[in-house]
């Protein structure tokens, strides 16, 4: 895991703990705290932990390890521009928005009752 991903993971887990404490204070429910933990961990795992450099390759290359040339190309792209590094894929964006939007909606309905 890269240094930036490590910092993002730590920050996300701290914010998840803060949200869990707030939910616990407001609801006084162990089940709602645990639901917050599960939804939060799944969200963090789905957004931060995957090696997006690996998945940004051609689909047919996913079964092969990343070569040294590909890693060098990835590092060169990171050096050139921050905007080129974050490519937006419409299908991925729609899928993530749908899945995480639904999960957050269900979590909110559960916690707010």
PDB file of N, CA and C in Angstrom:
ATOM      1  N   UNK A   1       0.850  -1.178   0.000  1.00  0.00           N
ATOM      2  CA  UNK A   1       0.000   0.000   0.000  1.00  0.00           C
ATOM      3  C   UNK A   1       0.889   1.233   0.000  1.00  0.00           C
ATOM      4  N   UNK A   2       0.525   2.178  -0.804  1.00  0.00           N
ATOM      5  CA  UNK A   2       1.316   3.397  -0.922  1.00  0.00           C
ATOM      6  C   UNK A   2       1.169   4.263   0.321  1.00  0.00           C
ATOM      7  N   UNK A   3       2.107   5.177   0.483  1.00  0.00           N
ATOM      8  CA  UNK A   3       2.107   6.061   1.652  1.00  0.00           C
ATOM      9  C   UNK A   3       0.832   6.887   1.731  1.00  0.00           C
ATOM     10  N   UNK A   4       0.365   7.433   0.609  1.00  0.00           N
ATOM     11  CA  UNK A   4      -0.851   8.233   0.583  1.00  0.00           C
ATOM     12  C   UNK A   4      -2.080   7.423   0.948  1.00  0.00           C
ATOM     13  N   UNK A   5      -2.136   6.175   0.458  1.00  0.00           N
ATOM     14  CA  UNK A   5      -3.253   5.305   0.786  1.00  0.00           C
ATOM     15  C   UNK A   5      -3.261   4.960   2.266  1.00  0.00           C
ATOM     16  N   UNK A   6      -2.087   4.795   2.851  1.00  0.00           N
ATOM     17  CA  UNK A   6      -1.989   4.485   4.271  1.00  0.00           C
ATOM     18  C   UNK A   6      -2.533   5.635   5.110  1.00  0.00           C
ATOM     19  N   UNK A   7      -2.192   6.850   4.747  1.00  0.00           N
ATOM     20  CA  UNK A   7      -2.693   8.021   5.470  1.00  0.00           C
ATOM     21  C   UNK A   7      -4.201   8.161   5.289  1.00  0.00           C
ATOM     22  N   UNK A   8      -4.690   7.906   4.099  1.00  0.00           N
ATOM     23  CA  UNK A   8      -6.133   7.987   3.847  1.00  0.00           C
ATOM     24  C   UNK A   8      -6.878   6.919   4.637  1.00  0.00           C
ATOM     25  N   UNK A   9      -6.312   5.718   4.724  1.00  0.00           N
ATOM     26  CA  UNK A   9      -6.934   4.647   5.500  1.00  0.00           C
ATOM     27  C   UNK A   9      -6.995   5.019   6.975  1.00  0.00           C
ATOM     28  N   UNK A  10      -5.900   5.512   7.525  1.00  0.00           N
ATOM     29  CA  UNK A  10      -5.884   5.908   8.937  1.00  0.00           C
ATOM     30  C   UNK A  10      -6.891   7.017   9.207  1.00  0.00           C
ATOM     31  N   UNK A  11      -6.930   8.005   8.346  1.00  0.00           N
ATOM     32  CA  UNK A  11      -7.868   9.111   8.507  1.00  0.00           C
ATOM     33  C   UNK A  11      -9.310   8.617   8.431  1.00  0.00           C
ATOM     34  N   UNK A  12      -9.600   7.743   7.489  1.00  0.00           N
ATOM     35  CA  UNK A  12     -10.951   7.202   7.346  1.00  0.00           C
ATOM     36  C   UNK A  12     -11.378   6.417   8.575  1.00  0.00           C
ATOM     37  N   UNK A  13     -10.463   5.637   9.128  1.00  0.00           N
ATOM     38  CA  UNK A  13     -10.799   4.853  10.315  1.00  0.00           C
ATOM     39  C   UNK A  13     -11.011   5.738  11.533  1.00  0.00           C
ATOM     40  N   UNK A  14     -10.258   6.820  11.644  1.00  0.00           N
ATOM     41  CA  UNK A  14     -10.469   7.764  12.749  1.00  0.00           C
ATOM     42  C   UNK A  14     -11.841   8.417  12.616  1.00  0.00           C
ATOM     43  N   UNK A  15     -12.187   8.860  11.393  1.00  0.00           N
ATOM     44  CA  UNK A  15     -13.497   9.468  11.187  1.00  0.00           C
ATOM     45  C   UNK A  15     -14.622   8.471  11.433  1.00  0.00           C
ATOM     46  N   UNK A  16     -14.428   7.224  11.075  1.00  0.00           N
ATOM     47  CA  UNK A  16     -15.429   6.194  11.358  1.00  0.00           C
ATOM     48  C   UNK A  16     -15.621   6.040  12.861  1.00  0.00           C
ATOM     49  N   UNK A  17     -14.539   6.048  13.617  1.00  0.00           N
ATOM     50  CA  UNK A  17     -14.640   5.950  15.077  1.00  0.00           C
ATOM     51  C   UNK A  17     -15.391   7.146  15.654  1.00  0.00           C
ATOM     52  N   UNK A  18     -15.133   8.333  15.131  1.00  0.00           N
ATOM     53  CA  UNK A  18     -15.843   9.534  15.599  1.00  0.00           C
ATOM     54  C   UNK A  18     -17.338   9.410  15.320  1.00  0.00           C
ATOM     55  N   UNK A  19     -17.684   8.955  14.127  1.00  0.00           N
ATOM     56  CA  UNK A  19     -19.090   8.787  13.771  1.00  0.00           C
ATOM     57  C   UNK A  19     -19.741   7.728  14.656  1.00  0.00           C
ATOM     58  N   UNK A  20     -19.014   6.651  14.957  1.00  0.00           N
ATOM     59  CA  UNK A  20     -19.554   5.617  15.835  1.00  0.00           C
ATOM     60  C   UNK A  20     -19.820   6.169  17.237  1.00  0.00           C
ATOM     61  N   UNK A  21     -18.926   6.995  17.746  1.00  0.00           N
ATOM     62  CA  UNK A  21     -19.126   7.597  19.070  1.00  0.00           C
ATOM     63  C   UNK A  21     -20.350   8.507  19.045  1.00  0.00           C
ATOM     64  N   UNK A  22     -20.499   9.310  18.005  1.00  0.00           N
ATOM     65  CA  UNK A  22     -21.657  10.200  17.905  1.00  0.00           C
ATOM     66  C   UNK A  22     -22.955   9.395  17.843  1.00  0.00           C
ATOM     67  N   UNK A  23     -22.966   8.333  17.035  1.00  0.00           N
ATOM     68  CA  UNK A  23     -24.153   7.476  16.953  1.00  0.00           C
ATOM     69  C   UNK A  23     -24.438   6.843  18.305  1.00  0.00           C
ATOM     70  N   UNK A  24     -23.392   6.395  18.981  1.00  0.00           N
ATOM     71  CA  UNK A  24     -23.578   5.785  20.298  1.00  0.00           C
ATOM     72  C   UNK A  24     -24.137   6.755  21.322  1.00  0.00           C
ATOM     73  N   UNK A  25     -23.652   7.983  21.326  1.00  0.00           N
ATOM     74  CA  UNK A  25     -24.141   8.988  22.273  1.00  0.00           C
ATOM     75  C   UNK A  25     -25.585   9.364  21.957  1.00  0.00           C
ATOM     76  N   UNK A  26     -25.895   9.532  20.684  1.00  0.00           N
ATOM     77  CA  UNK A  26     -27.244   9.971  20.294  1.00  0.00           C
ATOM     78  C   UNK A  26     -28.295   8.873  20.417  1.00  0.00           C
ATOM     79  N   UNK A  27     -27.938   7.630  20.128  1.00  0.00           N
ATOM     80  CA  UNK A  27     -28.945   6.561  20.093  1.00  0.00           C
ATOM     81  C   UNK A  27     -28.890   5.627  21.290  1.00  0.00           C
ATOM     82  N   UNK A  28     -27.750   5.545  21.945  1.00  0.00           N
ATOM     83  CA  UNK A  28     -27.543   4.610  23.056  1.00  0.00           C
ATOM     84  C   UNK A  28     -27.938   3.184  22.680  1.00  0.00           C
ATOM     85  N   UNK A  29     -27.560   2.793  21.467  1.00  0.00           N
ATOM     86  CA  UNK A  29     -27.897   1.462  20.967  1.00  0.00           C
ATOM     87  C   UNK A  29     -26.644   0.776  20.440  1.00  0.00           C
ATOM     88  N   UNK A  30     -26.350  -0.383  20.994  1.00  0.00           N
ATOM     89  CA  UNK A  30     -25.204  -1.160  20.562  1.00  0.00           C
ATOM     90  C   UNK A  30     -25.384  -1.644  19.126  1.00  0.00           C
ATOM     91  N   UNK A  31     -26.612  -2.029  18.761  1.00  0.00           N
ATOM     92  CA  UNK A  31     -26.883  -2.507  17.400  1.00  0.00           C
ATOM     93  C   UNK A  31     -26.634  -1.409  16.370  1.00  0.00           C
ATOM     94  N   UNK A  32     -27.004  -0.187  16.692  1.00  0.00           N
ATOM     95  CA  UNK A  32     -26.821   0.913  15.751  1.00  0.00           C
ATOM     96  C   UNK A  32     -25.347   1.294  15.626  1.00  0.00           C
ATOM     97  N   UNK A  33     -24.606   1.168  16.710  1.00  0.00           N
ATOM     98  CA  UNK A  33     -23.163   1.402  16.638  1.00  0.00           C
ATOM     99  C   UNK A  33     -22.507   0.348  15.753  1.00  0.00           C
ATOM    100  N   UNK A  34     -22.903  -0.902  15.915  1.00  0.00           N
ATOM    101  CA  UNK A  34     -22.322  -1.977  15.106  1.00  0.00           C
ATOM    102  C   UNK A  34     -22.733  -1.856  13.637  1.00  0.00           C
ATOM    103  N   UNK A  35     -23.966  -1.428  13.368  1.00  0.00           N
ATOM    104  CA  UNK A  35     -24.389  -1.211  11.978  1.00  0.00           C
ATOM    105  C   UNK A  35     -23.551  -0.099  11.349  1.00  0.00           C
ATOM    106  N   UNK A  36     -23.273   0.939  12.128  1.00  0.00           N
ATOM    107  CA  UNK A  36     -22.418   2.024  11.643  1.00  0.00           C
ATOM    108  C   UNK A  36     -21.018   1.512  11.347  1.00  0.00           C
ATOM    109  N   UNK A  37     -20.501   0.659  12.215  1.00  0.00           N
ATOM    110  CA  UNK A  37     -19.165   0.083  12.018  1.00  0.00           C
ATOM    111  C   UNK A  37     -19.125  -0.753  10.735  1.00  0.00           C
ATOM    112  N   UNK A  38     -20.110  -1.624  10.547  1.00  0.00           N
ATOM    113  CA  UNK A  38     -20.121  -2.511   9.381  1.00  0.00           C
ATOM    114  C   UNK A  38     -20.239  -1.706   8.089  1.00  0.00           C
ATOM    115  N   UNK A  39     -21.173  -0.753   8.035  1.00  0.00           N
ATOM    116  CA  UNK A  39     -21.335   0.058   6.831  1.00  0.00           C
ATOM    117  C   UNK A  39     -20.066   0.875   6.574  1.00  0.00           C
ATOM    118  N   UNK A  40     -19.477   1.416   7.623  1.00  0.00           N
ATOM    119  CA  UNK A  40     -18.260   2.210   7.471  1.00  0.00           C
ATOM    120  C   UNK A  40     -17.074   1.399   6.986  1.00  0.00           C
ATOM    121  N   UNK A  41     -16.878   0.231   7.558  1.00  0.00           N
ATOM    122  CA  UNK A  41     -15.749  -0.625   7.149  1.00  0.00           C
ATOM    123  C   UNK A  41     -15.918  -1.086   5.705  1.00  0.00           C
ATOM    124  N   UNK A  42     -17.140  -1.441   5.318  1.00  0.00           N
ATOM    125  CA  UNK A  42     -17.368  -1.856   3.930  1.00  0.00           C
ATOM    126  C   UNK A  42     -17.110  -0.684   2.990  1.00  0.00           C
ATOM    127  N   UNK A  43     -17.540   0.516   3.387  1.00  0.00           N
ATOM    128  CA  UNK A  43     -17.285   1.694   2.571  1.00  0.00           C
ATOM    129  C   UNK A  43     -15.806   1.992   2.424  1.00  0.00           C
ATOM    130  N   UNK A  44     -15.086   1.938   3.531  1.00  0.00           N
ATOM    131  CA  UNK A  44     -13.636   2.189   3.491  1.00  0.00           C
ATOM    132  C   UNK A  44     -12.942   1.113   2.662  1.00  0.00           C
ATOM    133  N   UNK A  45     -13.326  -0.131   2.855  1.00  0.00           N
ATOM    134  CA  UNK A  45     -12.694  -1.228   2.109  1.00  0.00           C
ATOM    135  C   UNK A  45     -12.960  -1.121   0.615  1.00  0.00           C
ATOM    136  N   UNK A  46     -14.126  -0.650   0.241  1.00  0.00           N
ATOM    137  CA  UNK A  46     -14.461  -0.558  -1.176  1.00  0.00           C
ATOM    138  C   UNK A  46     -13.846   0.629  -1.886  1.00  0.00           C
ATOM    139  N   UNK A  47     -13.548   1.683  -1.143  1.00  0.00           N
ATOM    140  CA  UNK A  47     -13.039   2.892  -1.783  1.00  0.00           C
ATOM    141  C   UNK A  47     -11.539   3.092  -1.640  1.00  0.00           C
ATOM    142  N   UNK A  48     -10.964   2.700  -0.522  1.00  0.00           N
ATOM    143  CA  UNK A  48      -9.560   3.027  -0.255  1.00  0.00           C
ATOM    144  C   UNK A  48      -8.623   1.844  -0.436  1.00  0.00           C
ATOM    145  N   UNK A  49      -9.042   0.655  -0.030  1.00  0.00           N
ATOM    146  CA  UNK A  49      -8.116  -0.474  -0.033  1.00  0.00           C
ATOM    147  C   UNK A  49      -7.766  -1.058  -1.399  1.00  0.00           C
ATOM    148  N   UNK A  50      -8.672  -1.038  -2.395  1.00  0.00           N
ATOM    149  CA  UNK A  50      -8.280  -1.649  -3.677  1.00  0.00           C
ATOM    150  C   UNK A  50      -7.067  -0.956  -4.295  1.00  0.00           C
ATOM    151  N   UNK A  51      -6.260  -1.732  -4.970  1.00  0.00           N
ATOM    152  CA  UNK A  51      -5.110  -1.201  -5.695  1.00  0.00           C
ATOM    153  C   UNK A  51      -5.621  -0.694  -7.032  1.00  0.00           C
ATOM    154  N   UNK A  52      -6.057   0.581  -7.068  1.00  0.00           N
ATOM    155  CA  UNK A  52      -6.670   1.121  -8.273  1.00  0.00           C
ATOM    156  C   UNK A  52      -5.701   1.135  -9.436  1.00  0.00           C
ATOM    157  N   UNK A  53      -4.419   1.229  -9.186  1.00  0.00           N
ATOM    158  CA  UNK A  53      -3.443   1.157 -10.277  1.00  0.00           C
ATOM    159  C   UNK A  53      -3.522  -0.202 -10.964  1.00  0.00           C
ATOM    160  N   UNK A  54      -3.752  -1.240 -10.194  1.00  0.00           N
ATOM    161  CA  UNK A  54      -3.888  -2.578 -10.756  1.00  0.00           C
ATOM    162  C   UNK A  54      -5.151  -2.669 -11.609  1.00  0.00           C
ATOM    163  N   UNK A  55      -6.265  -2.135 -11.114  1.00  0.00           N
ATOM    164  CA  UNK A  55      -7.539  -2.247 -11.816  1.00  0.00           C
ATOM    165  C   UNK A  55      -7.689  -1.253 -12.960  1.00  0.00           C
ATOM    166  N   UNK A  56      -6.842  -0.230 -13.042  1.00  0.00           N
ATOM    167  CA  UNK A  56      -6.899   0.716 -14.140  1.00  0.00           C
ATOM    168  C   UNK A  56      -6.264   0.165 -15.414  1.00  0.00           C
ATOM    169  N   UNK A  57      -5.707  -1.010 -15.326  1.00  0.00           N
ATOM    170  CA  UNK A  57      -5.147  -1.646 -16.518  1.00  0.00           C
ATOM    171  C   UNK A  57      -6.264  -2.253 -17.351  1.00  0.00           C
ATOM    172  N   UNK A  58      -5.910  -2.732 -18.542  1.00  0.00           N
ATOM    173  CA  UNK A  58      -6.862  -3.435 -19.387  1.00  0.00           C
ATOM    174  C   UNK A  58      -7.403  -4.658 -18.646  1.00  0.00           C
ATOM    175  N   UNK A  59      -8.685  -4.930 -18.831  1.00  0.00           N
ATOM    176  CA  UNK A  59      -9.343  -6.030 -18.120  1.00  0.00           C
ATOM    177  C   UNK A  59      -8.652  -7.371 -18.350  1.00  0.00           C
ATOM    178  N   UNK A  60      -8.151  -7.600 -19.533  1.00  0.00           N
ATOM    179  CA  UNK A  60      -7.501  -8.872 -19.840  1.00  0.00           C
ATOM    180  C   UNK A  60      -6.197  -9.064 -19.060  1.00  0.00           C
ATOM    181  N   UNK A  61      -5.617  -7.984 -18.525  1.00  0.00           N
ATOM    182  CA  UNK A  61      -4.356  -8.058 -17.780  1.00  0.00           C
ATOM    183  C   UNK A  61      -4.568  -8.283 -16.279  1.00  0.00           C
ATOM    184  N   UNK A  62      -5.823  -8.331 -15.804  1.00  0.00           N
ATOM    185  CA  UNK A  62      -6.082  -8.473 -14.372  1.00  0.00           C
ATOM    186  C   UNK A  62      -5.601  -9.803 -13.810  1.00  0.00           C
ATOM    187  N   UNK A  63      -5.461 -10.806 -14.649  1.00  0.00           N
ATOM    188  CA  UNK A  63      -5.026 -12.113 -14.150  1.00  0.00           C
ATOM    189  C   UNK A  63      -3.510 -12.202 -14.008  1.00  0.00           C
ATOM    190  N   UNK A  64      -2.790 -11.203 -14.518  1.00  0.00           N
ATOM    191  CA  UNK A  64      -1.330 -11.181 -14.463  1.00  0.00           C
ATOM    192  C   UNK A  64      -0.851 -10.149 -13.437  1.00  0.00           C
ATOM    193  N   UNK A  65       0.258 -10.413 -12.782  1.00  0.00           N
ATOM    194  CA  UNK A  65       0.814  -9.411 -11.867  1.00  0.00           C
ATOM    195  C   UNK A  65       1.265  -8.167 -12.625  1.00  0.00           C
ATOM    196  N   UNK A  66       1.355  -7.070 -11.915  1.00  0.00           N
ATOM    197  CA  UNK A  66       1.817  -5.815 -12.509  1.00  0.00           C
ATOM    198  C   UNK A  66       3.312  -5.951 -12.780  1.00  0.00           C
ATOM    199  N   UNK A  67       3.706  -5.632 -14.006  1.00  0.00           N
ATOM    200  CA  UNK A  67       5.119  -5.734 -14.380  1.00  0.00           C
ATOM    201  C   UNK A  67       5.872  -4.488 -13.920  1.00  0.00           C
ATOM    202  N   UNK A  68       7.184  -4.577 -13.959  1.00  0.00           N
ATOM    203  CA  UNK A  68       8.020  -3.434 -13.569  1.00  0.00           C
ATOM    204  C   UNK A  68       7.802  -2.260 -14.514  1.00  0.00           C
ATOM    205  N   UNK A  69       7.588  -2.550 -15.804  1.00  0.00           N
ATOM    206  CA  UNK A  69       7.341  -1.475 -16.761  1.00  0.00           C
ATOM    207  C   UNK A  69       6.030  -0.762 -16.460  1.00  0.00           C
ATOM    208  N   UNK A  70       5.010  -1.540 -16.089  1.00  0.00           N
ATOM    209  CA  UNK A  70       3.717  -0.926 -15.762  1.00  0.00           C
ATOM    210  C   UNK A  70       3.825  -0.067 -14.501  1.00  0.00           C
ATOM    211  N   UNK A  71       4.551  -0.546 -13.511  1.00  0.00           N
ATOM    212  CA  UNK A  71       4.741   0.250 -12.283  1.00  0.00           C
ATOM    213  C   UNK A  71       5.497   1.542 -12.590  1.00  0.00           C
ATOM    214  N   UNK A  72       6.515   1.458 -13.443  1.00  0.00           N
ATOM    215  CA  UNK A  72       7.270   2.652 -13.827  1.00  0.00           C
ATOM    216  C   UNK A  72       6.364   3.631 -14.572  1.00  0.00           C
ATOM    217  N   UNK A  73       5.491   3.121 -15.431  1.00  0.00           N
ATOM    218  CA  UNK A  73       4.551   3.970 -16.163  1.00  0.00           C
ATOM    219  C   UNK A  73       3.572   4.641 -15.207  1.00  0.00           C
ATOM    220  N   UNK A  74       3.102   3.902 -14.215  1.00  0.00           N
ATOM    221  CA  UNK A  74       2.176   4.453 -13.222  1.00  0.00           C
ATOM    222  C   UNK A  74       2.859   5.567 -12.431  1.00  0.00           C
ATOM    223  N   UNK A  75       4.100   5.329 -12.010  1.00  0.00           N
ATOM    224  CA  UNK A  75       4.833   6.356 -11.262  1.00  0.00           C
ATOM    225  C   UNK A  75       5.098   7.598 -12.112  1.00  0.00           C
ATOM    226  N   UNK A  76       5.376   7.397 -13.405  1.00  0.00           N
ATOM    227  CA  UNK A  76       5.594   8.535 -14.297  1.00  0.00           C
ATOM    228  C   UNK A  76       4.317   9.339 -14.474  1.00  0.00           C
ATOM    229  N   UNK A  77       3.175   8.662 -14.552  1.00  0.00           N
ATOM    230  CA  UNK A  77       1.892   9.363 -14.680  1.00  0.00           C
ATOM    231  C   UNK A  77       1.591  10.173 -13.427  1.00  0.00           C
ATOM    232  N   UNK A  78       1.927   9.645 -12.267  1.00  0.00           N
ATOM    233  CA  UNK A  78       1.685  10.369 -11.017  1.00  0.00           C
ATOM    234  C   UNK A  78       2.520  11.639 -10.935  1.00  0.00           C
ATOM    235  N   UNK A  79       3.703  11.614 -11.529  1.00  0.00           N
ATOM    236  CA  UNK A  79       4.587  12.771 -11.491  1.00  0.00           C
ATOM    237  C   UNK A  79       4.129  13.877 -12.434  1.00  0.00           C
ATOM    238  N   UNK A  80       3.461  13.514 -13.530  1.00  0.00           N
ATOM    239  CA  UNK A  80       3.113  14.510 -14.543  1.00  0.00           C
ATOM    240  C   UNK A  80       1.955  15.399 -14.106  1.00  0.00           C
ATOM    241  N   UNK A  81       0.849  14.800 -13.703  1.00  0.00           N
ATOM    242  CA  UNK A  81      -0.317  15.612 -13.374  1.00  0.00           C
ATOM    243  C   UNK A  81      -1.219  14.868 -12.409  1.00  0.00           C
ATOM    244  N   UNK A  82      -1.734  15.611 -11.459  1.00  0.00           N
ATOM    245  CA  UNK A  82      -2.665  15.025 -10.499  1.00  0.00           C
ATOM    246  C   UNK A  82      -3.993  14.714 -11.163  1.00  0.00           C
ATOM    247  N   UNK A  83      -4.418  15.539 -12.115  1.00  0.00           N
ATOM    248  CA  UNK A  83      -5.691  15.319 -12.782  1.00  0.00           C
ATOM    249  C   UNK A  83      -5.666  14.087 -13.679  1.00  0.00           C
ATOM    250  N   UNK A  84      -4.540  13.794 -14.289  1.00  0.00           N
ATOM    251  CA  UNK A  84      -4.445  12.601 -15.125  1.00  0.00           C
ATOM    252  C   UNK A  84      -4.468  11.333 -14.276  1.00  0.00           C
ATOM    253  N   UNK A  85      -4.035  11.459 -13.036  1.00  0.00           N
ATOM    254  CA  UNK A  85      -3.983  10.288 -12.165  1.00  0.00           C
ATOM    255  C   UNK A  85      -5.378   9.788 -11.819  1.00  0.00           C
ATOM    256  N   UNK A  86      -6.312  10.698 -11.619  1.00  0.00           N
ATOM    257  CA  UNK A  86      -7.663  10.321 -11.222  1.00  0.00           C
ATOM    258  C   UNK A  86      -8.572  10.356 -12.439  1.00  0.00           C
ATOM    259  N   UNK A  87      -8.688   9.210 -13.061  1.00  0.00           N
ATOM    260  CA  UNK A  87      -9.566   9.093 -14.213  1.00  0.00           C
ATOM    261  C   UNK A  87     -10.964   8.743 -13.730  1.00  0.00           C
ATOM    262  N   UNK A  88     -11.961   9.364 -14.352  1.00  0.00           N
ATOM    263  CA  UNK A  88     -13.343   9.107 -13.976  1.00  0.00           C
ATOM    264  C   UNK A  88     -13.932   8.123 -14.980  1.00  0.00           C
ATOM    265  N   UNK A  89     -14.396   7.020 -14.474  1.00  0.00           N
ATOM    266  CA  UNK A  89     -15.042   6.014 -15.287  1.00  0.00           C
ATOM    267  C   UNK A  89     -16.539   6.070 -14.979  1.00  0.00           C
ATOM    268  N   UNK A  90     -17.378   6.400 -15.975  1.00  0.00           N
ATOM    269  CA  UNK A  90     -18.807   6.579 -15.711  1.00  0.00           C
ATOM    270  C   UNK A  90     -19.485   5.348 -15.113  1.00  0.00           C
ATOM    271  N   UNK A  91     -19.162   4.166 -15.599  1.00  0.00           N
ATOM    272  CA  UNK A  91     -19.803   2.955 -15.082  1.00  0.00           C
ATOM    273  C   UNK A  91     -19.435   2.745 -13.617  1.00  0.00           C
ATOM    274  N   UNK A  92     -18.156   2.923 -13.291  1.00  0.00           N
ATOM    275  CA  UNK A  92     -17.714   2.777 -11.896  1.00  0.00           C
ATOM    276  C   UNK A  92     -18.386   3.823 -11.017  1.00  0.00           C
ATOM    277  N   UNK A  93     -18.483   5.047 -11.509  1.00  0.00           N
ATOM    278  CA  UNK A  93     -19.099   6.127 -10.747  1.00  0.00           C
ATOM    279  C   UNK A  93     -20.575   5.841 -10.479  1.00  0.00           C
ATOM    280  N   UNK A  94     -21.308   5.387 -11.481  1.00  0.00           N
ATOM    281  CA  UNK A  94     -22.722   5.062 -11.302  1.00  0.00           C
ATOM    282  C   UNK A  94     -22.886   3.888 -10.351  1.00  0.00           C
ATOM    283  N   UNK A  95     -22.062   2.865 -10.508  1.00  0.00           N
ATOM    284  CA  UNK A  95     -22.168   1.693  -9.633  1.00  0.00           C
ATOM    285  C   UNK A  95     -21.879   2.062  -8.183  1.00  0.00           C
ATOM    286  N   UNK A  96     -20.808   2.799  -7.946  1.00  0.00           N
ATOM    287  CA  UNK A  96     -20.481   3.191  -6.579  1.00  0.00           C
ATOM    288  C   UNK A  96     -21.541   4.115  -5.989  1.00  0.00           C
ATOM    289  N   UNK A  97     -22.026   5.066  -6.777  1.00  0.00           N
ATOM    290  CA  UNK A  97     -23.055   5.983  -6.273  1.00  0.00           C
ATOM    291  C   UNK A  97     -24.328   5.224  -5.920  1.00  0.00           C
ATOM    292  N   UNK A  98     -24.701   4.266  -6.735  1.00  0.00           N
ATOM    293  CA  UNK A  98     -25.908   3.482  -6.470  1.00  0.00           C
ATOM    294  C   UNK A  98     -25.747   2.606  -5.233  1.00  0.00           C
ATOM    295  N   UNK A  99     -24.675   1.854  -5.186  1.00  0.00           N
ATOM    296  CA  UNK A  99     -24.466   0.919  -4.074  1.00  0.00           C
ATOM    297  C   UNK A  99     -24.282   1.654  -2.758  1.00  0.00           C
ATOM    298  N   UNK A 100     -23.386   2.639  -2.732  1.00  0.00           N
ATOM    299  CA  UNK A 100     -23.126   3.344  -1.475  1.00  0.00           C
ATOM    300  C   UNK A 100     -24.268   4.279  -1.103  1.00  0.00           C
ATOM    301  N   UNK A 101     -24.963   4.841  -2.086  1.00  0.00           N
ATOM    302  CA  UNK A 101     -26.135   5.658  -1.790  1.00  0.00           C
ATOM    303  C   UNK A 101     -27.226   4.832  -1.132  1.00  0.00           C
ATOM    304  N   UNK A 102     -27.475   3.637  -1.667  1.00  0.00           N
ATOM    305  CA  UNK A 102     -28.477   2.747  -1.075  1.00  0.00           C
ATOM    306  C   UNK A 102     -28.057   2.306   0.322  1.00  0.00           C
ATOM    307  N   UNK A 103     -26.790   1.962   0.491  1.00  0.00           N
ATOM    308  CA  UNK A 103     -26.307   1.531   1.809  1.00  0.00           C
ATOM    309  C   UNK A 103     -26.423   2.658   2.833  1.00  0.00           C
ATOM    310  N   UNK A 104     -26.050   3.874   2.447  1.00  0.00           N
ATOM    311  CA  UNK A 104     -26.169   5.006   3.368  1.00  0.00           C
ATOM    312  C   UNK A 104     -27.627   5.317   3.692  1.00  0.00           C
ATOM    313  N   UNK A 105     -28.517   5.192   2.700  1.00  0.00           N
ATOM    314  CA  UNK A 105     -29.937   5.410   2.942  1.00  0.00           C
ATOM    315  C   UNK A 105     -30.475   4.400   3.955  1.00  0.00           C
ATOM    316  N   UNK A 106     -30.165   3.120   3.763  1.00  0.00           N
ATOM    317  CA  UNK A 106     -30.634   2.078   4.687  1.00  0.00           C
ATOM    318  C   UNK A 106     -30.032   2.265   6.074  1.00  0.00           C
ATOM    319  N   UNK A 107     -28.751   2.632   6.129  1.00  0.00           N
ATOM    320  CA  UNK A 107     -28.103   2.884   7.419  1.00  0.00           C
ATOM    321  C   UNK A 107     -28.797   4.036   8.132  1.00  0.00           C
ATOM    322  N   UNK A 108     -29.058   5.124   7.412  1.00  0.00           N
ATOM    323  CA  UNK A 108     -29.699   6.287   8.019  1.00  0.00           C
ATOM    324  C   UNK A 108     -31.096   5.946   8.525  1.00  0.00           C
ATOM    325  N   UNK A 109     -31.857   5.182   7.752  1.00  0.00           N
ATOM    326  CA  UNK A 109     -33.202   4.773   8.196  1.00  0.00           C
ATOM    327  C   UNK A 109     -33.111   3.936   9.469  1.00  0.00           C
ATOM    328  N   UNK A 110     -32.122   3.048   9.543  1.00  0.00           N
ATOM    329  CA  UNK A 110     -31.957   2.197  10.726  1.00  0.00           C
ATOM    330  C   UNK A 110     -31.532   3.020  11.934  1.00  0.00           C
ATOM    331  N   UNK A 111     -30.571   3.903  11.754  1.00  0.00           N
ATOM    332  CA  UNK A 111     -30.032   4.672  12.878  1.00  0.00           C
ATOM    333  C   UNK A 111     -31.025   5.728  13.352  1.00  0.00           C
ATOM    334  N   UNK A 112     -31.787   6.318  12.449  1.00  0.00           N
ATOM    335  CA  UNK A 112     -32.686   7.403  12.846  1.00  0.00           C
ATOM    336  C   UNK A 112     -33.976   6.913  13.496  1.00  0.00           C
ATOM    337  N   UNK A 113     -34.272   5.634  13.431  1.00  0.00           N
ATOM    338  CA  UNK A 113     -35.495   5.110  14.075  1.00  0.00           C
ATOM    339  C   UNK A 113     -35.297   4.914  15.554  1.00  0.00           C
TER     340      UNK A 113
END
